[in-house]
Amino acid sequence: MTRALVPVAILVALASADPAPVAKHFSHAQHNEKGIKTDACDSCHTIDAQGITITPGATGHSPCLAANCHAAEFIASGTKAEPAKHTKAVAFCLGCHPSSKNEPPPAWTKPTPVAIATHGPSEYHVEMNHFEHTKRTNCRTCHIVDGKSWALVADRPGHHECVLCHNPQKYPEFTMSKCGLCHNTPSRVEFFPKVNRPRNNVRACSSEGYLTLIRKHPGTKLACFTHERPEHRMQNGKEVQCGTCHFMVDDPRLGPRYNSITKLHELPVIEDDAGRAHRSCGNSTACHKNAVPPNATSHCGKCHDEEVAGGALGD
């Protein structure tokens, strides 16, 4: 059986073909380098009738096209006469409009919605006085839980939660138009690894410590804690608030220490203050009242690691 030879002309054409365009996401830093005043947020971020920030481009190609900055990309995206310019233009389009075909939508069709998730990693982290907010509203007003998986909904709290209070009617001095009051550089990924919450000995299902114990004690049924259980999210038809167990974040005595998002990463959110942690799980009305008595000295292995439980795992 002979192997078919590929003509040299085809090989040359394949080698010289332009690579598939890679989405080029918006960058505040790069625009700032080009002289665009990115700290003038309202030049691109407008506010809708409900007071919520509208994603740039969500109502059309403004401000990217209105500013005449990217007119060449918009024109080149519609023609392949100049392949290099077309590839660059497609990368620009894909930065906001995801496409499995790596092509922008034809000009006569309705484009896919602007997808915030495709804008690349955030360049900012959010800072706020968390304790002051606990005095004004319940935790679950901002921290949204999915009713099926019982997991916290990603990217929430967001503008939709903040605008409930930060609108011209309630806080005219602190509305959505003043982005810099919450959004700070650098990005969350860059900023928060610098502050690490102290380790605690509660055995969480998702922790590396729990996985280590499973490997160390094969075949042993080990209990572990997870937030994603209906009884940890709802009790008697009411939402379980974060402060029920993480009492320190809204406590009048301890709460002032937790006066920022940074402090929430630096300080413990699981600790036992005069037995309060045990009582939140095992008081007379709590779920684990039979396993965690108010002055618990037994059954420690249900929740804690070997160091605290004295080796009595799952006891």
Foldseek 3Di string as FASTA:
>chain_A
DDDDDDDPVVVVCVVPDDDQAAADADDPVVVVVVVDPVQQPCQFFPADPLQFTDHRCQVHPPPVPVVVPCPQLVVLLADCPPVVSNSVSLNHQCLFQPDPVSHFDHPPDDTDGGDPVSNDADQWAWKFFQQVVVVPDFQCLWFPADPPQRHTDPPTPDRVSVSVQQDCVRCVPGGPSNVVVTIDDGGPVVPQVVAAEDDDFWFAPPDPLVVVVCVVDPPDDFAHDDCRDPLNQDDPRDGDTLCLQLVQCHDPVRNVQSGMPSSVRHYDSHDADQQSNLCSQAPPPHDCVVQRPSPDPANVLNTGDCVNNVNPHRD
